[in-house]
């Protein structure tokens, strides 16, 4: 009788055992890298980029286009890709 009780107790304990979960807190997360659309647009138009430091704005990229035009990259992108009107 005691043997049967011991076996059933061990069986219940084995059934209640929690599954092993991998500790994900130490896994590396790959950062999401998206290209800057204004930079891509500049190079697509045949331009080259230069970076200047501005005390108020920080780092600013300028696009030098083949025709000699120099524009801040986001100003060029917004000029040529205006937002569609809200309907």
N, C-alpha and C. Protein backbone atom coordinates (compact mmCIF):
# COMPACT_ATOMS: atom_id res chain seq x y z
N UNK A 1 0.82 -1.18 0.00
CA UNK A 1 0.00 0.00 0.00
C UNK A 1 0.87 1.26 0.00
N UNK A 2 1.90 1.22 0.86
CA UNK A 2 2.78 2.39 0.92
C UNK A 2 3.53 2.58 -0.40
N UNK A 3 3.87 1.49 -1.06
CA UNK A 3 4.58 1.59 -2.34
C UNK A 3 3.68 2.23 -3.39
N UNK A 4 2.40 1.85 -3.40
CA UNK A 4 1.47 2.43 -4.36
C UNK A 4 1.27 3.92 -4.08
N UNK A 5 1.19 4.28 -2.81
CA UNK A 5 1.04 5.69 -2.43
C UNK A 5 2.27 6.49 -2.84
N UNK A 6 3.44 5.90 -2.64
CA UNK A 6 4.69 6.57 -2.99
C UNK A 6 4.77 6.78 -4.51
N UNK A 7 4.42 5.77 -5.30
CA UNK A 7 4.46 5.86 -6.75
C UNK A 7 3.47 6.91 -7.25
N UNK A 8 2.26 6.93 -6.70
CA UNK A 8 1.27 7.91 -7.15
C UNK A 8 1.68 9.32 -6.76
N UNK A 9 2.30 9.49 -5.60
CA UNK A 9 2.78 10.81 -5.17
C UNK A 9 3.88 11.30 -6.11
N UNK A 10 4.81 10.43 -6.44
CA UNK A 10 5.88 10.82 -7.36
C UNK A 10 5.33 11.13 -8.75
N UNK A 11 4.32 10.39 -9.18
CA UNK A 11 3.69 10.65 -10.47
C UNK A 11 3.02 12.01 -10.51
N UNK A 12 2.35 12.38 -9.41
CA UNK A 12 1.70 13.70 -9.36
C UNK A 12 2.74 14.81 -9.36
N UNK A 13 3.82 14.61 -8.62
CA UNK A 13 4.87 15.63 -8.59
C UNK A 13 5.52 15.80 -9.96
N UNK A 14 5.72 14.70 -10.67
CA UNK A 14 6.31 14.78 -12.00
C UNK A 14 5.37 15.51 -12.96
N UNK A 15 4.07 15.33 -12.81
CA UNK A 15 3.10 16.01 -13.66
C UNK A 15 3.01 17.50 -13.39
N UNK A 16 3.35 17.90 -12.19
CA UNK A 16 3.27 19.32 -11.82
C UNK A 16 4.56 20.08 -12.12
N UNK A 17 5.55 19.37 -12.61
CA UNK A 17 6.83 20.01 -12.88
C UNK A 17 6.66 21.07 -13.96
N UNK A 18 7.24 22.24 -13.75
CA UNK A 18 7.12 23.32 -14.73
C UNK A 18 8.10 23.07 -15.87
N UNK A 19 7.70 23.38 -17.09
CA UNK A 19 8.60 23.18 -18.23
C UNK A 19 9.76 24.17 -18.16
N UNK A 20 10.88 23.78 -18.72
CA UNK A 20 12.07 24.63 -18.73
C UNK A 20 11.90 25.69 -19.81
N UNK A 21 12.03 26.96 -19.42
CA UNK A 21 11.95 28.06 -20.38
C UNK A 21 13.32 28.69 -20.52
N UNK A 22 13.66 29.02 -21.73
CA UNK A 22 14.95 29.65 -21.99
C UNK A 22 14.94 31.09 -21.47
N UNK A 23 16.00 31.49 -20.81
CA UNK A 23 16.11 32.86 -20.31
C UNK A 23 16.42 33.78 -21.48
N UNK A 24 15.47 34.59 -21.86
CA UNK A 24 15.64 35.47 -23.02
C UNK A 24 16.23 36.82 -22.66
N UNK A 25 16.48 37.07 -21.39
CA UNK A 25 17.00 38.37 -20.99
C UNK A 25 18.43 38.59 -21.46
N UNK A 26 19.14 37.53 -21.79
CA UNK A 26 20.52 37.68 -22.24
C UNK A 26 20.67 37.53 -23.74
N UNK A 27 19.58 37.32 -24.46
CA UNK A 27 19.67 37.19 -25.91
C UNK A 27 19.91 38.55 -26.54
N UNK A 28 20.69 38.56 -27.58
CA UNK A 28 20.95 39.81 -28.29
C UNK A 28 19.75 40.14 -29.18
N UNK A 29 19.40 41.40 -29.20
CA UNK A 29 18.34 41.88 -30.06
C UNK A 29 19.00 42.62 -31.21
N UNK A 30 18.70 42.21 -32.42
CA UNK A 30 19.29 42.87 -33.59
C UNK A 30 18.58 44.19 -33.82
N UNK A 31 19.32 45.29 -33.85
CA UNK A 31 18.67 46.59 -34.04
C UNK A 31 18.07 46.70 -35.45
N UNK A 32 17.00 47.41 -35.51
CA UNK A 32 16.35 47.66 -36.79
C UNK A 32 17.12 48.75 -37.52
N UNK A 33 17.53 48.47 -38.71
CA UNK A 33 18.29 49.45 -39.47
C UNK A 33 17.51 49.80 -40.73
N UNK A 34 17.05 51.05 -40.76
CA UNK A 34 16.33 51.53 -41.93
C UNK A 34 17.14 52.66 -42.54
N UNK A 35 17.32 52.66 -43.84
CA UNK A 35 18.07 53.74 -44.46
C UNK A 35 17.29 55.05 -44.39
N UNK A 36 18.02 56.14 -44.34
CA UNK A 36 17.43 57.47 -44.32
C UNK A 36 16.86 57.75 -45.71
N UNK A 37 15.55 57.98 -45.84
CA UNK A 37 14.96 58.19 -47.17
C UNK A 37 15.51 59.43 -47.87
N UNK A 38 15.85 60.48 -47.12
CA UNK A 38 16.39 61.69 -47.74
C UNK A 38 17.79 61.42 -48.31
N UNK A 39 18.58 60.64 -47.61
CA UNK A 39 19.91 60.29 -48.09
C UNK A 39 19.81 59.43 -49.35
N UNK A 40 18.91 58.45 -49.33
CA UNK A 40 18.71 57.60 -50.51
C UNK A 40 18.26 58.43 -51.70
N UNK A 41 17.37 59.38 -51.47
CA UNK A 41 16.86 60.21 -52.56
C UNK A 41 17.99 61.04 -53.18
N UNK A 42 18.84 61.60 -52.33
CA UNK A 42 19.97 62.39 -52.82
C UNK A 42 20.86 61.56 -53.73
N UNK A 43 21.24 60.38 -53.27
CA UNK A 43 22.12 59.54 -54.07
C UNK A 43 21.43 59.02 -55.33
N UNK A 44 20.12 58.81 -55.26
CA UNK A 44 19.35 58.37 -56.43
C UNK A 44 19.36 59.46 -57.51
N UNK A 45 19.39 60.72 -57.08
CA UNK A 45 19.42 61.84 -58.03
C UNK A 45 20.84 62.11 -58.53
N UNK A 46 21.81 61.29 -58.10
CA UNK A 46 23.19 61.46 -58.55
C UNK A 46 24.00 62.39 -57.66
N UNK A 47 23.46 62.75 -56.51
CA UNK A 47 24.14 63.67 -55.62
C UNK A 47 25.12 62.99 -54.68
N UNK A 48 25.93 63.83 -54.06
CA UNK A 48 26.85 63.35 -53.02
C UNK A 48 26.52 64.11 -51.74
N UNK A 49 26.85 63.51 -50.61
CA UNK A 49 26.51 64.10 -49.32
C UNK A 49 27.73 64.64 -48.60
N UNK A 50 27.53 65.76 -47.93
CA UNK A 50 28.52 66.27 -46.98
C UNK A 50 27.79 66.52 -45.68
N UNK A 51 28.50 66.38 -44.59
CA UNK A 51 27.92 66.57 -43.27
C UNK A 51 28.56 67.78 -42.62
N UNK A 52 27.73 68.67 -42.09
CA UNK A 52 28.22 69.83 -41.36
C UNK A 52 27.58 69.83 -39.98
N UNK A 53 28.29 70.43 -39.03
CA UNK A 53 27.76 70.50 -37.67
C UNK A 53 27.22 71.91 -37.43
N UNK A 54 25.99 71.98 -36.96
CA UNK A 54 25.32 73.23 -36.63
C UNK A 54 25.06 73.23 -35.13
N UNK A 55 25.39 74.33 -34.45
CA UNK A 55 25.21 74.38 -32.99
C UNK A 55 23.76 74.21 -32.57
N UNK A 56 22.82 74.69 -33.37
CA UNK A 56 21.40 74.58 -33.01
C UNK A 56 20.77 73.28 -33.50
N UNK A 57 21.10 72.87 -34.72
CA UNK A 57 20.47 71.68 -35.30
C UNK A 57 21.28 70.41 -35.10
N UNK A 58 22.54 70.54 -34.74
CA UNK A 58 23.39 69.36 -34.63
C UNK A 58 23.98 69.00 -35.97
N UNK A 59 23.98 67.74 -36.31
CA UNK A 59 24.55 67.26 -37.57
C UNK A 59 23.55 67.47 -38.70
N UNK A 60 24.00 68.10 -39.79
CA UNK A 60 23.13 68.39 -40.93
C UNK A 60 23.82 67.88 -42.20
N UNK A 61 23.08 67.13 -43.01
CA UNK A 61 23.61 66.61 -44.27
C UNK A 61 23.14 67.48 -45.43
N UNK A 62 24.07 67.77 -46.33
CA UNK A 62 23.77 68.54 -47.52
C UNK A 62 24.01 67.69 -48.75
N UNK A 63 23.10 67.81 -49.71
CA UNK A 63 23.18 67.06 -50.95
C UNK A 63 23.75 67.98 -52.03
N UNK A 64 24.83 67.55 -52.67
CA UNK A 64 25.45 68.28 -53.77
C UNK A 64 25.03 67.58 -55.06
N UNK A 65 24.11 68.21 -55.79
CA UNK A 65 23.57 67.60 -57.00
C UNK A 65 24.51 67.84 -58.19
N UNK A 66 24.41 67.02 -59.23
CA UNK A 66 25.29 67.15 -60.40
C UNK A 66 25.22 68.52 -61.08
N UNK A 67 24.08 69.22 -60.99
CA UNK A 67 23.96 70.54 -61.63
C UNK A 67 24.58 71.67 -60.79
N UNK A 68 25.18 71.33 -59.64
CA UNK A 68 25.81 72.33 -58.79
C UNK A 68 24.94 72.81 -57.64
N UNK A 69 23.68 72.42 -57.62
CA UNK A 69 22.77 72.80 -56.54
C UNK A 69 23.19 72.10 -55.25
N UNK A 70 23.17 72.85 -54.15
CA UNK A 70 23.45 72.29 -52.83
C UNK A 70 22.25 72.58 -51.95
N UNK A 71 21.64 71.53 -51.42
CA UNK A 71 20.46 71.68 -50.55
C UNK A 71 20.59 70.74 -49.37
N UNK A 72 19.99 71.16 -48.26
CA UNK A 72 19.89 70.26 -47.11
C UNK A 72 19.07 69.06 -47.59
N UNK A 73 19.50 67.85 -47.24
CA UNK A 73 18.91 66.64 -47.83
C UNK A 73 17.40 66.52 -47.60
N UNK A 74 16.91 66.88 -46.40
CA UNK A 74 15.48 66.77 -46.13
C UNK A 74 14.70 67.85 -46.86
N UNK A 75 15.28 69.02 -47.05
CA UNK A 75 14.60 70.08 -47.83
C UNK A 75 14.42 69.62 -49.27
N UNK A 76 15.44 68.99 -49.84
CA UNK A 76 15.35 68.45 -51.20
C UNK A 76 14.29 67.37 -51.28
N UNK A 77 14.30 66.46 -50.33
CA UNK A 77 13.34 65.36 -50.33
C UNK A 77 11.91 65.89 -50.24
N UNK A 78 11.67 66.83 -49.33
CA UNK A 78 10.31 67.38 -49.16
C UNK A 78 9.87 68.21 -50.36
N UNK A 79 10.82 68.93 -50.97
CA UNK A 79 10.48 69.72 -52.15
C UNK A 79 9.99 68.83 -53.29
N UNK A 80 10.69 67.73 -53.50
CA UNK A 80 10.37 66.85 -54.62
C UNK A 80 9.34 65.77 -54.29
N UNK A 81 9.02 65.61 -53.02
CA UNK A 81 8.05 64.60 -52.59
C UNK A 81 7.06 65.22 -51.60
N UNK A 82 6.24 66.15 -52.07
CA UNK A 82 5.31 66.80 -51.13
C UNK A 82 4.26 65.82 -50.61
N UNK A 83 3.76 66.13 -49.42
CA UNK A 83 2.69 65.30 -48.85
C UNK A 83 1.42 65.48 -49.68
N UNK A 84 0.69 64.41 -49.92
CA UNK A 84 -0.59 64.56 -50.61
C UNK A 84 -1.58 65.29 -49.70
N UNK A 85 -2.48 66.07 -50.29
CA UNK A 85 -3.46 66.79 -49.46
C UNK A 85 -4.35 65.82 -48.69
N UNK A 86 -4.70 66.21 -47.48
CA UNK A 86 -5.59 65.41 -46.64
C UNK A 86 -7.01 65.56 -47.14
N UNK A 87 -7.69 64.44 -47.30
CA UNK A 87 -9.07 64.51 -47.82
C UNK A 87 -10.05 64.20 -46.74
